[in-house]
Amino acid sequence: MRENICTIPVNEIFEQTGGCPICRMRNTIEEKYVDYITGAAMMEPDIREMTNKTGFCERHFFQMLAKTGQRLPVCLTLTTHLDEIQKTLLRSADSGSVKGLTTLEESCFVCDMIERNLARALDTVYRTYRDEAEFRTLFASQEHICLPHYKRMISEGKKTLGKQYKDFCKKANELTAGYCRSLVADLRAFADSFDFRNAGKPMPEASRDSLERSVDFITSRNQKNR
């Protein structure tokens, strides 16, 4: 398979197995930026200027706080962020401050970086699928595509995939629908294990985590990376 600086990370993600490859891609980007914002970025004025204005969502605030040994960078980031809020949004209680606070609630530096980089990575996925038969085999060998990423890829891939779009949709549907069927079967087996007629019978191994895997599939987030 031909590789360049853009495709190598994508190929590495798809060479792994288990779960949704786009979730793996998203999680890798997320971890990178949470590490960055609690480390080197603390001393970069342009980054601090951005985080002072955008702040972080609840999820990424708590991921930052969970970074052992990184409380000082978080403290400094919070100090200048709250100072910005004090100066610009708490000067008076008016419609302008409400609008600004609403915008702040909907913004997050890490979320923005994830979306920007994931969009680029997905574009590489579409182009590589279009041009590389070997990558199409890698794509088809994935365990599944979660619902949110399935929707996104079939919604936005047509322009780039061109003649490969129908085949791409077919393969993505097979992965997603096939996994959904297996989840339904595992959930039913989980429920059946509580039927008195099955008393004493062990629960099928695949059913034990079927609830968690179903939530992961529906939301693209599992308990570990929520």
Protein backbone atom coordinates (compact mmCIF):
# COMPACT_ATOMS: atom_id res chain seq x y z
CA MET A 1 0.00 0.00 0.00
CA ARG A 2 1.36 3.42 -0.91
CA GLU A 3 1.82 5.57 2.19
CA ASN A 4 2.62 9.21 2.81
CA ILE A 5 2.65 11.56 5.78
CA CYS A 6 -1.15 11.80 5.71
CA THR A 7 -2.07 8.13 5.33
CA ILE A 8 0.36 6.47 7.76
CA PRO A 9 -1.63 7.31 10.95
CA VAL A 10 -4.90 6.21 9.30
CA ASN A 11 -3.39 2.96 8.10
CA GLU A 12 -2.07 2.24 11.59
CA ILE A 13 -5.53 2.76 13.07
CA PHE A 14 -7.12 0.38 10.56
CA GLU A 15 -4.43 -2.23 11.04
CA GLN A 16 -5.70 -2.62 14.61
CA THR A 17 -8.72 -4.75 15.43
CA GLY A 18 -11.60 -4.48 17.86
CA GLY A 19 -14.26 -1.81 18.08
CA CYS A 20 -14.91 1.07 15.70
CA PRO A 21 -11.80 2.39 13.89
CA ILE A 22 -13.15 5.94 13.80
CA CYS A 23 -13.65 5.83 17.56
CA ARG A 24 -10.03 4.71 17.91
CA MET A 25 -9.00 7.58 15.68
CA ARG A 26 -11.06 10.08 17.67
CA ASN A 27 -9.78 8.76 21.00
CA THR A 28 -6.16 9.01 19.83
CA ILE A 29 -6.65 12.65 18.82
CA GLU A 30 -8.45 13.41 22.08
CA GLU A 31 -5.73 11.91 24.25
CA LYS A 32 -3.09 13.80 22.30
CA TYR A 33 -4.75 17.18 22.88
CA VAL A 34 -5.61 16.61 26.54
CA ASP A 35 -1.93 15.73 27.09
CA TYR A 36 -0.89 18.78 25.09
CA ILE A 37 -3.13 21.25 26.88
CA THR A 38 -1.94 20.07 30.30
CA GLY A 39 1.69 20.15 29.24
CA ALA A 40 3.61 22.17 26.67
CA ALA A 41 0.67 24.35 25.65
CA MET A 42 0.65 26.01 29.07
CA MET A 43 3.61 28.15 27.97
CA GLU A 44 2.32 28.99 24.47
CA PRO A 45 0.72 32.46 24.50
CA ASP A 46 -1.36 31.89 21.36
CA ILE A 47 -2.85 28.69 22.77
CA ARG A 48 -3.56 30.30 26.13
CA GLU A 49 -5.27 33.16 24.33
CA MET A 50 -7.56 30.64 22.62
CA THR A 51 -8.33 28.64 25.77
CA ASN A 52 -9.00 31.83 27.71
CA LYS A 53 -11.86 32.53 25.32
CA THR A 54 -13.20 29.09 24.49
CA GLY A 55 -12.58 27.19 27.71
CA PHE A 56 -13.43 23.48 27.82
CA CYS A 57 -16.49 21.28 28.01
CA GLU A 58 -17.31 19.32 31.17
CA ARG A 59 -15.83 16.14 29.75
CA HIS A 60 -12.46 17.66 28.93
CA PHE A 61 -12.24 19.68 32.15
CA PHE A 62 -12.48 16.42 34.09
CA GLN A 63 -10.02 14.65 31.80
CA MET A 64 -7.57 17.47 32.47
CA LEU A 65 -8.10 17.19 36.24
CA ALA A 66 -7.51 13.44 36.03
CA LYS A 67 -4.00 13.94 34.66
CA THR A 68 -1.77 12.99 37.59
CA GLY A 69 0.97 15.52 38.25
CA GLN A 70 -0.51 18.11 35.91
CA ARG A 71 -2.54 20.20 38.37
CA LEU A 72 -0.29 23.27 38.11
CA PRO A 73 -0.81 23.65 34.33
CA VAL A 74 -4.56 23.21 34.86
CA CYS A 75 -4.46 25.81 37.64
CA LEU A 76 -2.71 28.35 35.43
CA THR A 77 -5.08 27.67 32.53
CA LEU A 78 -8.11 28.09 34.80
CA THR A 79 -6.71 31.28 36.32
CA THR A 80 -6.39 33.12 33.02
CA HIS A 81 -9.64 31.61 31.69
CA LEU A 82 -11.63 32.84 34.69
CA ASP A 83 -9.85 36.19 34.51
CA GLU A 84 -11.06 36.50 30.90
CA ILE A 85 -14.61 35.61 31.97
CA GLN A 86 -14.49 38.18 34.76
CA LYS A 87 -13.33 40.94 32.44
CA THR A 88 -15.61 40.22 29.47
CA LEU A 89 -18.73 38.39 30.66
CA LEU A 90 -19.25 39.46 34.27
CA ARG A 91 -18.97 43.22 33.90
CA SER A 92 -22.75 43.53 34.01
CA ALA A 93 -25.87 41.37 34.00
CA ASP A 94 -27.32 42.12 30.56
CA SER A 95 -28.34 40.36 27.34
CA GLY A 96 -24.82 40.66 25.95
CA SER A 97 -23.30 38.79 28.87
CA VAL A 98 -26.00 36.11 28.63
CA LYS A 99 -25.22 35.65 24.94
CA GLY A 100 -21.51 35.43 25.67
CA LEU A 101 -22.01 32.91 28.46
CA THR A 102 -24.22 30.81 26.20
CA THR A 103 -21.50 30.78 23.55
CA LEU A 104 -18.95 29.82 26.19
CA GLU A 105 -21.09 26.87 27.34
CA GLU A 106 -21.05 25.53 23.78
CA SER A 107 -17.31 25.93 23.15
CA CYS A 108 -14.31 23.77 24.00
CA PHE A 109 -10.73 23.99 22.81
CA VAL A 110 -10.20 20.21 22.84
CA CYS A 111 -13.51 19.47 21.07
CA ASP A 112 -12.56 21.97 18.36
CA MET A 113 -9.16 20.33 17.88
CA ILE A 114 -10.71 16.87 17.77
CA GLU A 115 -13.19 17.88 15.09
CA ARG A 116 -10.58 19.69 13.00
CA ASN A 117 -8.17 16.74 13.01
CA LEU A 118 -10.85 14.06 12.70
CA ALA A 119 -12.28 15.79 9.63
CA ARG A 120 -8.83 15.67 8.02
CA ALA A 121 -8.33 12.04 8.99
CA LEU A 122 -11.72 11.04 7.59
CA ASP A 123 -10.92 12.79 4.33
CA THR A 124 -7.79 10.62 4.19
CA VAL A 125 -9.97 7.54 4.85
CA TYR A 126 -12.22 8.40 1.90
CA ARG A 127 -9.33 9.14 -0.46
CA THR A 128 -7.41 6.03 0.55
CA TYR A 129 -10.49 3.82 0.21
CA ARG A 130 -11.07 5.31 -3.25
CA ASP A 131 -7.50 4.74 -4.43
CA GLU A 132 -6.15 1.70 -2.57
CA ALA A 133 -7.59 -1.82 -2.90
CA GLU A 134 -5.52 -2.99 0.07
CA PHE A 135 -7.08 -0.36 2.30
CA ARG A 136 -10.55 -1.43 1.18
CA THR A 137 -9.70 -4.90 2.47
CA LEU A 138 -8.55 -3.40 5.78
CA PHE A 139 -11.78 -1.43 6.04
CA ALA A 140 -13.94 -4.48 5.38
CA SER A 141 -12.10 -6.46 8.07
CA GLN A 142 -13.06 -4.11 10.90
CA GLU A 143 -15.22 -5.39 13.76
CA HIS A 144 -17.84 -2.70 13.31
CA ILE A 145 -18.55 0.98 12.71
CA CYS A 146 -20.48 2.70 15.51
CA LEU A 147 -23.77 4.41 14.64
CA PRO A 148 -22.62 8.06 14.88
CA HIS A 149 -19.55 7.46 12.70
CA TYR A 150 -21.50 5.27 10.27
CA LYS A 151 -23.96 8.14 9.80
CA ARG A 152 -21.18 10.66 9.33
CA MET A 153 -19.24 8.65 6.78
CA ILE A 154 -22.17 7.76 4.54
CA SER A 155 -23.42 11.35 4.79
CA GLU A 156 -20.22 13.13 3.83
CA GLY A 157 -18.14 10.61 1.88
CA LYS A 158 -19.87 10.73 -1.49
CA LYS A 159 -18.03 13.75 -2.88
CA THR A 160 -14.57 12.30 -2.25
CA LEU A 161 -15.25 8.60 -2.84
CA GLY A 162 -16.72 9.06 -6.30
CA LYS A 163 -17.30 5.71 -8.01
CA GLN A 164 -16.30 3.85 -4.84
CA TYR A 165 -19.10 5.47 -2.80
CA LYS A 166 -21.67 2.67 -3.32
CA ASP A 167 -19.14 -0.01 -2.42
CA PHE A 168 -18.05 2.02 0.61
CA CYS A 169 -21.64 2.36 1.82
CA LYS A 170 -22.26 -1.35 1.27
CA LYS A 171 -19.21 -2.35 3.30
CA ALA A 172 -19.96 0.17 6.06
CA ASN A 173 -23.56 -1.04 6.24
CA GLU A 174 -22.46 -4.67 6.46
CA LEU A 175 -20.16 -3.83 9.37
CA THR A 176 -22.71 -1.72 11.21
CA ALA A 177 -25.85 -3.76 10.58
CA GLY A 178 -24.05 -7.04 11.20
CA TYR A 179 -22.74 -5.86 14.57
CA CYS A 180 -26.18 -4.50 15.48
CA ARG A 181 -27.69 -7.93 14.84
CA SER A 182 -25.09 -9.55 17.06
CA LEU A 183 -25.82 -7.06 19.83
CA VAL A 184 -29.54 -7.78 19.68
CA ALA A 185 -28.83 -11.51 19.94
CA ASP A 186 -26.49 -10.96 22.90
CA LEU A 187 -28.99 -8.70 24.66
CA ARG A 188 -31.77 -11.24 24.23
CA ALA A 189 -29.53 -13.95 25.63
CA PHE A 190 -28.75 -11.67 28.57
CA ALA A 191 -32.47 -11.17 29.25
CA ASP A 192 -33.21 -14.88 28.76
CA SER A 193 -30.65 -15.77 31.42
CA PHE A 194 -33.03 -14.23 34.00
CA ASP A 195 -35.92 -16.47 32.90
CA PHE A 196 -36.72 -19.00 35.63
CA ARG A 197 -36.64 -21.73 33.01
CA ASN A 198 -32.93 -21.07 32.56
CA ALA A 199 -32.11 -21.15 36.25
CA GLY A 200 -28.73 -22.71 36.84
CA LYS A 201 -27.55 -22.18 33.28
CA PRO A 202 -24.52 -19.89 32.87
CA MET A 203 -25.01 -16.64 31.02
CA PRO A 204 -23.36 -16.72 27.56
CA GLU A 205 -19.96 -15.01 27.75
CA ALA A 206 -20.78 -12.63 24.89
CA SER A 207 -23.85 -11.37 26.77
CA ARG A 208 -22.03 -10.33 29.93
CA ASP A 209 -20.92 -6.95 28.56
CA SER A 210 -23.66 -6.63 25.93
CA LEU A 211 -25.26 -3.62 27.64
CA GLU A 212 -22.00 -1.68 27.72
CA ARG A 213 -21.15 -2.61 24.14
CA SER A 214 -24.62 -1.55 22.99
CA VAL A 215 -24.25 1.89 24.59
CA ASP A 216 -20.80 2.17 23.03
CA PHE A 217 -22.23 1.30 19.61
CA ILE A 218 -25.12 3.77 19.90
CA THR A 219 -23.15 6.70 21.34
CA SER A 220 -19.54 6.07 20.12
CA ARG A 221 -18.41 6.39 23.74
CA ASN A 222 -17.73 3.67 26.28
CA GLN A 223 -17.29 3.96 30.02
CA LYS A 224 -13.52 4.14 29.70
CA ASN A 225 -13.42 7.10 27.30
CA ARG A 226 -16.66 8.94 28.07
